[in-house]
Amino acid sequence: MRAEFLLSTLSEFPSLKDPQGRPLPEIALAGRSNVGKSSLINHFLGQKKAAKTSATPGKTQLLNFFLIDDSFLLVDLPGYGFAKAPVESIEKWSSAIDTYLNNRPSLKLILLLIDCRREPKDEDLSMIEWAKTMQIPLLIIFTKTDKLKAAELDLALKKNTKRLGCEIIPYSVENGRTRDWLIKRIRGILWAK
């Protein structure tokens, strides 16, 4: 998978088009601070440093745009919830996220990342409801699945699939098969006939 970093921004969102002049579809990654978005991006793109990883919540404070295979954009949104950042900064990036999500007709899919060891929070539930209301496809990605035993993960998947009413994809940066499966699901959604 070929990835090109385009820019980090809170306001000037790029609009790229295919050779026929149609806007390229966009996939937004959303989730709480410290859920593992940067690690997933690096694993998903097959690059070690495409996104900066940190143990400090709130490291991503801008919307980061990546062009993938010249065919779609991957947009890394700042995490919500607990973040070590000034309130003013959090308000700015929250406003930018709202502007992006509510004014982007090229947004075709949201990947909502949830730590499989934690219960979905109110912000997660709000994102799910928003996506349903806006009729934007949403996949829930359970991150850090390598931290649970198989039986624990199975129980968490069953419980939350029923509770959330959405497809949940278990993802581990330790397992290449999860990457391949996610790529297949994304392509199936973006280019479904």
C-alpha atoms as a PDB file:
ATOM      1  CA  MET A   1       0.000   0.000   0.000  1.00  0.00           C
ATOM      2  CA  ARG A   2       1.508   3.317  -1.096  1.00  0.00           C
ATOM      3  CA  ALA A   3       0.910   6.258   1.249  1.00  0.00           C
ATOM      4  CA  GLU A   4       1.810   9.908   0.830  1.00  0.00           C
ATOM      5  CA  PHE A   5       1.446  12.329   3.719  1.00  0.00           C
ATOM      6  CA  LEU A   6      -0.316  15.455   2.452  1.00  0.00           C
ATOM      7  CA  LEU A   7      -0.721  17.856   5.367  1.00  0.00           C
ATOM      8  CA  SER A   8      -1.741  18.489   8.961  1.00  0.00           C
ATOM      9  CA  THR A   9      -4.392  21.164   9.401  1.00  0.00           C
ATOM     10  CA  LEU A  10      -7.293  22.521  11.396  1.00  0.00           C
ATOM     11  CA  SER A  11      -8.894  24.410   8.515  1.00  0.00           C
ATOM     12  CA  GLU A  12      -7.562  24.000   4.966  1.00  0.00           C
ATOM     13  CA  PHE A  13      -8.886  20.556   4.047  1.00  0.00           C
ATOM     14  CA  PRO A  14      -7.611  19.234   0.698  1.00  0.00           C
ATOM     15  CA  SER A  15      -9.954  18.174  -2.095  1.00  0.00           C
ATOM     16  CA  LEU A  16      -8.351  15.710  -4.491  1.00  0.00           C
ATOM     17  CA  LYS A  17      -9.988  14.275  -7.589  1.00  0.00           C
ATOM     18  CA  ASP A  18      -9.559  11.163  -9.684  1.00  0.00           C
ATOM     19  CA  PRO A  19      -8.674  11.356 -13.422  1.00  0.00           C
ATOM     20  CA  GLN A  20     -12.411  11.619 -14.238  1.00  0.00           C
ATOM     21  CA  GLY A  21     -12.750  14.680 -11.991  1.00  0.00           C
ATOM     22  CA  ARG A  22     -14.656  12.938  -9.180  1.00  0.00           C
ATOM     23  CA  PRO A  23     -13.646  13.696  -5.574  1.00  0.00           C
ATOM     24  CA  LEU A  24     -11.534  10.951  -4.037  1.00  0.00           C
ATOM     25  CA  PRO A  25     -13.352   9.134  -1.234  1.00  0.00           C
ATOM     26  CA  GLU A  26     -12.185   9.748   2.311  1.00  0.00           C
ATOM     27  CA  ILE A  27     -11.937   7.509   5.353  1.00  0.00           C
ATOM     28  CA  ALA A  28     -11.777   9.147   8.779  1.00  0.00           C
ATOM     29  CA  LEU A  29     -10.180   7.464  11.784  1.00  0.00           C
ATOM     30  CA  ALA A  30     -11.832   8.465  15.043  1.00  0.00           C
ATOM     31  CA  GLY A  31     -11.448   7.351  18.630  1.00  0.00           C
ATOM     32  CA  ARG A  32     -10.457   8.298  22.123  1.00  0.00           C
ATOM     33  CA  SER A  33      -6.999   9.603  22.900  1.00  0.00           C
ATOM     34  CA  ASN A  34      -4.490   6.786  23.332  1.00  0.00           C
ATOM     35  CA  VAL A  35      -6.686   4.168  21.621  1.00  0.00           C
ATOM     36  CA  GLY A  36      -3.879   3.222  19.224  1.00  0.00           C
ATOM     37  CA  LYS A  37      -4.786   5.187  16.082  1.00  0.00           C
ATOM     38  CA  SER A  38      -1.177   6.024  15.190  1.00  0.00           C
ATOM     39  CA  SER A  39      -0.036   2.420  15.686  1.00  0.00           C
ATOM     40  CA  LEU A  40      -2.914   1.165  13.531  1.00  0.00           C
ATOM     41  CA  ILE A  41      -2.119   3.703  10.791  1.00  0.00           C
ATOM     42  CA  ASN A  42       1.539   2.668  10.697  1.00  0.00           C
ATOM     43  CA  HIS A  43       0.646  -1.030  10.611  1.00  0.00           C
ATOM     44  CA  PHE A  44      -2.162  -0.534   8.083  1.00  0.00           C
ATOM     45  CA  LEU A  45       0.097   1.475   5.746  1.00  0.00           C
ATOM     46  CA  GLY A  46       3.055  -0.845   6.258  1.00  0.00           C
ATOM     47  CA  GLN A  47       5.234   2.082   7.380  1.00  0.00           C
ATOM     48  CA  LYS A  48       6.864   2.460  10.772  1.00  0.00           C
ATOM     49  CA  LYS A  49       6.727   6.250  10.991  1.00  0.00           C
ATOM     50  CA  ALA A  50       3.789   7.434   8.886  1.00  0.00           C
ATOM     51  CA  ALA A  51       2.049   8.575  12.077  1.00  0.00           C
ATOM     52  CA  LYS A  52       3.810   9.587  15.294  1.00  0.00           C
ATOM     53  CA  THR A  53       3.076   7.286  18.217  1.00  0.00           C
ATOM     54  CA  SER A  54       3.189   8.357  21.843  1.00  0.00           C
ATOM     55  CA  ALA A  55       2.232   7.083  25.270  1.00  0.00           C
ATOM     56  CA  THR A  56       0.924  10.579  26.012  1.00  0.00           C
ATOM     57  CA  PRO A  57      -2.783  11.012  25.210  1.00  0.00           C
ATOM     58  CA  GLY A  58      -3.559  13.908  22.874  1.00  0.00           C
ATOM     59  CA  LYS A  59      -0.429  13.773  20.696  1.00  0.00           C
ATOM     60  CA  THR A  60      -2.484  14.167  17.504  1.00  0.00           C
ATOM     61  CA  GLN A  61      -3.804  17.735  17.605  1.00  0.00           C
ATOM     62  CA  LEU A  62      -4.408  18.343  13.899  1.00  0.00           C
ATOM     63  CA  LEU A  63      -6.277  16.503  11.164  1.00  0.00           C
ATOM     64  CA  ASN A  64      -3.655  14.517   9.247  1.00  0.00           C
ATOM     65  CA  PHE A  65      -4.367  13.711   5.595  1.00  0.00           C
ATOM     66  CA  PHE A  66      -2.720  10.796   3.766  1.00  0.00           C
ATOM     67  CA  LEU A  67      -3.198   9.921   0.077  1.00  0.00           C
ATOM     68  CA  ILE A  68      -3.423   6.129  -0.272  1.00  0.00           C
ATOM     69  CA  ASP A  69      -2.604   4.436  -3.594  1.00  0.00           C
ATOM     70  CA  ASP A  70      -3.757   7.616  -5.404  1.00  0.00           C
ATOM     71  CA  SER A  71      -7.302   6.335  -4.844  1.00  0.00           C
ATOM     72  CA  PHE A  72      -8.542   7.553  -1.437  1.00  0.00           C
ATOM     73  CA  LEU A  73      -7.642   9.786   1.506  1.00  0.00           C
ATOM     74  CA  LEU A  74      -7.093   8.544   5.036  1.00  0.00           C
ATOM     75  CA  VAL A  75      -7.828  11.264   7.603  1.00  0.00           C
ATOM     76  CA  ASP A  76      -6.477  10.838  11.126  1.00  0.00           C
ATOM     77  CA  LEU A  77      -8.677  12.882  13.484  1.00  0.00           C
ATOM     78  CA  PRO A  78      -7.446  14.083  16.889  1.00  0.00           C
ATOM     79  CA  GLY A  79      -8.545  11.793  19.695  1.00  0.00           C
ATOM     80  CA  TYR A  80     -11.379  12.743  21.994  1.00  0.00           C
ATOM     81  CA  GLY A  81     -11.650  12.242  25.737  1.00  0.00           C
ATOM     82  CA  PHE A  82      -8.691  12.566  28.078  1.00  0.00           C
ATOM     83  CA  ALA A  83      -5.795  14.432  26.477  1.00  0.00           C
ATOM     84  CA  LYS A  84      -2.822  16.275  27.929  1.00  0.00           C
ATOM     85  CA  ALA A  85      -3.351  19.581  26.155  1.00  0.00           C
ATOM     86  CA  PRO A  86      -4.592  23.085  27.022  1.00  0.00           C
ATOM     87  CA  VAL A  87      -8.395  23.480  27.001  1.00  0.00           C
ATOM     88  CA  GLU A  88      -8.129  26.092  24.241  1.00  0.00           C
ATOM     89  CA  SER A  89      -6.264  23.635  21.990  1.00  0.00           C
ATOM     90  CA  ILE A  90      -8.809  20.892  22.653  1.00  0.00           C
ATOM     91  CA  GLU A  91     -11.641  23.285  21.772  1.00  0.00           C
ATOM     92  CA  LYS A  92      -9.913  24.252  18.505  1.00  0.00           C
ATOM     93  CA  TRP A  93      -9.386  20.704  17.336  1.00  0.00           C
ATOM     94  CA  SER A  94     -12.882  19.654  18.469  1.00  0.00           C
ATOM     95  CA  SER A  95     -14.319  22.470  16.344  1.00  0.00           C
ATOM     96  CA  ALA A  96     -12.166  21.400  13.381  1.00  0.00           C
ATOM     97  CA  ILE A  97     -13.385  17.793  13.729  1.00  0.00           C
ATOM     98  CA  ASP A  98     -17.022  18.956  13.761  1.00  0.00           C
ATOM     99  CA  THR A  99     -16.437  21.147  10.702  1.00  0.00           C
ATOM    100  CA  TYR A 100     -14.749  18.298   8.850  1.00  0.00           C
ATOM    101  CA  LEU A 101     -17.342  15.643   9.693  1.00  0.00           C
ATOM    102  CA  ASN A 102     -20.361  17.817   8.925  1.00  0.00           C
ATOM    103  CA  ASN A 103     -19.125  19.404   5.694  1.00  0.00           C
ATOM    104  CA  ARG A 104     -17.344  16.658   3.820  1.00  0.00           C
ATOM    105  CA  PRO A 105     -19.413  14.977   1.077  1.00  0.00           C
ATOM    106  CA  SER A 106     -16.328  12.930   0.123  1.00  0.00           C
ATOM    107  CA  LEU A 107     -16.371  11.240   3.569  1.00  0.00           C
ATOM    108  CA  LYS A 108     -17.429   7.700   2.723  1.00  0.00           C
ATOM    109  CA  LEU A 109     -16.400   5.674   5.785  1.00  0.00           C
ATOM    110  CA  ILE A 110     -15.562   6.159   9.447  1.00  0.00           C
ATOM    111  CA  LEU A 111     -13.295   3.764  11.282  1.00  0.00           C
ATOM    112  CA  LEU A 112     -14.103   4.125  14.966  1.00  0.00           C
ATOM    113  CA  LEU A 113     -11.318   2.702  17.103  1.00  0.00           C
ATOM    114  CA  ILE A 114     -12.154   1.344  20.554  1.00  0.00           C
ATOM    115  CA  ASP A 115      -9.705  -0.338  22.930  1.00  0.00           C
ATOM    116  CA  CYS A 116     -11.073  -3.880  23.241  1.00  0.00           C
ATOM    117  CA  ARG A 117     -10.229  -3.895  26.964  1.00  0.00           C
ATOM    118  CA  ARG A 118     -12.483  -0.906  27.694  1.00  0.00           C
ATOM    119  CA  GLU A 119     -16.210  -0.278  27.587  1.00  0.00           C
ATOM    120  CA  PRO A 120     -17.329   2.067  24.787  1.00  0.00           C
ATOM    121  CA  LYS A 121     -17.636   5.600  26.194  1.00  0.00           C
ATOM    122  CA  ASP A 122     -20.348   8.199  25.588  1.00  0.00           C
ATOM    123  CA  GLU A 123     -18.209   9.822  22.868  1.00  0.00           C
ATOM    124  CA  ASP A 124     -17.987   6.485  21.044  1.00  0.00           C
ATOM    125  CA  LEU A 125     -21.753   5.992  21.268  1.00  0.00           C
ATOM    126  CA  SER A 126     -22.326   9.549  20.015  1.00  0.00           C
ATOM    127  CA  MET A 127     -20.091   8.912  16.997  1.00  0.00           C
ATOM    128  CA  ILE A 128     -21.999   5.717  16.178  1.00  0.00           C
ATOM    129  CA  GLU A 129     -25.345   7.518  16.395  1.00  0.00           C
ATOM    130  CA  TRP A 130     -24.062  10.443  14.338  1.00  0.00           C
ATOM    131  CA  ALA A 131     -22.826   8.105  11.573  1.00  0.00           C
ATOM    132  CA  LYS A 132     -26.181   6.292  11.515  1.00  0.00           C
ATOM    133  CA  THR A 133     -28.081   9.595  11.332  1.00  0.00           C
ATOM    134  CA  MET A 134     -25.836  10.883   8.528  1.00  0.00           C
ATOM    135  CA  GLN A 135     -25.949   7.482   6.801  1.00  0.00           C
ATOM    136  CA  ILE A 136     -22.177   7.226   6.630  1.00  0.00           C
ATOM    137  CA  PRO A 137     -20.851   3.662   6.851  1.00  0.00           C
ATOM    138  CA  LEU A 138     -18.977   2.979  10.075  1.00  0.00           C
ATOM    139  CA  LEU A 139     -16.724   0.102  11.072  1.00  0.00           C
ATOM    140  CA  ILE A 140     -15.758  -0.350  14.684  1.00  0.00           C
ATOM    141  CA  ILE A 141     -12.163  -1.461  15.073  1.00  0.00           C
ATOM    142  CA  PHE A 142     -11.281  -3.156  18.341  1.00  0.00           C
ATOM    143  CA  THR A 143      -7.627  -2.245  18.940  1.00  0.00           C
ATOM    144  CA  LYS A 144      -5.027  -3.906  21.155  1.00  0.00           C
ATOM    145  CA  THR A 145      -6.645  -7.331  20.745  1.00  0.00           C
ATOM    146  CA  ASP A 146      -3.295  -9.014  21.387  1.00  0.00           C
ATOM    147  CA  LYS A 147      -3.650  -7.845  25.025  1.00  0.00           C
ATOM    148  CA  LEU A 148      -6.603 -10.214  25.640  1.00  0.00           C
ATOM    149  CA  LYS A 149      -6.851 -13.987  25.739  1.00  0.00           C
ATOM    150  CA  ALA A 150      -8.897 -15.499  22.901  1.00  0.00           C
ATOM    151  CA  ALA A 151     -11.883 -16.283  25.157  1.00  0.00           C
ATOM    152  CA  GLU A 152     -11.895 -12.752  26.601  1.00  0.00           C
ATOM    153  CA  LEU A 153     -11.769 -11.207  23.134  1.00  0.00           C
ATOM    154  CA  ASP A 154     -14.567 -13.465  21.898  1.00  0.00           C
ATOM    155  CA  LEU A 155     -16.749 -12.444  24.833  1.00  0.00           C
ATOM    156  CA  ALA A 156     -16.037  -8.726  24.281  1.00  0.00           C
ATOM    157  CA  LEU A 157     -16.843  -9.038  20.560  1.00  0.00           C
ATOM    158  CA  LYS A 158     -20.150 -10.847  21.162  1.00  0.00           C
ATOM    159  CA  LYS A 159     -21.255  -8.470  23.908  1.00  0.00           C
ATOM    160  CA  ASN A 160     -20.405  -5.288  22.019  1.00  0.00           C
ATOM    161  CA  THR A 161     -21.661  -6.416  18.602  1.00  0.00           C
ATOM    162  CA  LYS A 162     -25.074  -6.932  20.206  1.00  0.00           C
ATOM    163  CA  ARG A 163     -24.895  -3.718  22.249  1.00  0.00           C
ATOM    164  CA  LEU A 164     -23.609  -1.394  19.502  1.00  0.00           C
ATOM    165  CA  GLY A 165     -25.416  -2.888  16.523  1.00  0.00           C
ATOM    166  CA  CYS A 166     -22.379  -2.415  14.267  1.00  0.00           C
ATOM    167  CA  GLU A 167     -19.793  -4.653  12.703  1.00  0.00           C
ATOM    168  CA  ILE A 168     -16.690  -4.938  14.892  1.00  0.00           C
ATOM    169  CA  ILE A 169     -13.318  -5.842  13.434  1.00  0.00           C
ATOM    170  CA  PRO A 170     -10.675  -7.141  15.864  1.00  0.00           C
ATOM    171  CA  TYR A 171      -7.292  -5.625  14.992  1.00  0.00           C
ATOM    172  CA  SER A 172      -3.805  -6.346  16.241  1.00  0.00           C
ATOM    173  CA  VAL A 173      -0.633  -4.674  15.020  1.00  0.00           C
ATOM    174  CA  GLU A 174       1.025  -8.011  15.814  1.00  0.00           C
ATOM    175  CA  ASN A 175      -1.043  -9.815  13.155  1.00  0.00           C
ATOM    176  CA  GLY A 176      -0.802  -9.138   9.412  1.00  0.00           C
ATOM    177  CA  ARG A 177      -4.043 -11.006   8.694  1.00  0.00           C
ATOM    178  CA  THR A 178      -6.069  -8.342  10.504  1.00  0.00           C
ATOM    179  CA  ARG A 179      -4.532  -5.728   8.189  1.00  0.00           C
ATOM    180  CA  ASP A 180      -5.401  -7.729   5.080  1.00  0.00           C
ATOM    181  CA  TRP A 181      -8.959  -8.248   6.273  1.00  0.00           C
ATOM    182  CA  LEU A 182      -9.441  -4.550   7.032  1.00  0.00           C
ATOM    183  CA  ILE A 183      -8.116  -3.564   3.600  1.00  0.00           C
ATOM    184  CA  LYS A 184     -10.583  -5.980   2.000  1.00  0.00           C
ATOM    185  CA  ARG A 185     -13.522  -4.553   4.019  1.00  0.00           C
ATOM    186  CA  ILE A 186     -12.548  -0.955   3.187  1.00  0.00           C
ATOM    187  CA  ARG A 187     -12.289  -1.670  -0.525  1.00  0.00           C
ATOM    188  CA  GLY A 188     -15.619  -3.484  -0.428  1.00  0.00           C
ATOM    189  CA  ILE A 189     -17.312  -0.443   1.118  1.00  0.00           C
ATOM    190  CA  LEU A 190     -15.614   2.283  -0.945  1.00  0.00           C
ATOM    191  CA  TRP A 191     -16.077   0.606  -4.298  1.00  0.00           C
ATOM    192  CA  ALA A 192     -19.283  -1.372  -3.771  1.00  0.00           C
ATOM    193  CA  LYS A 193     -21.386  -1.376  -6.910  1.00  0.00           C
END
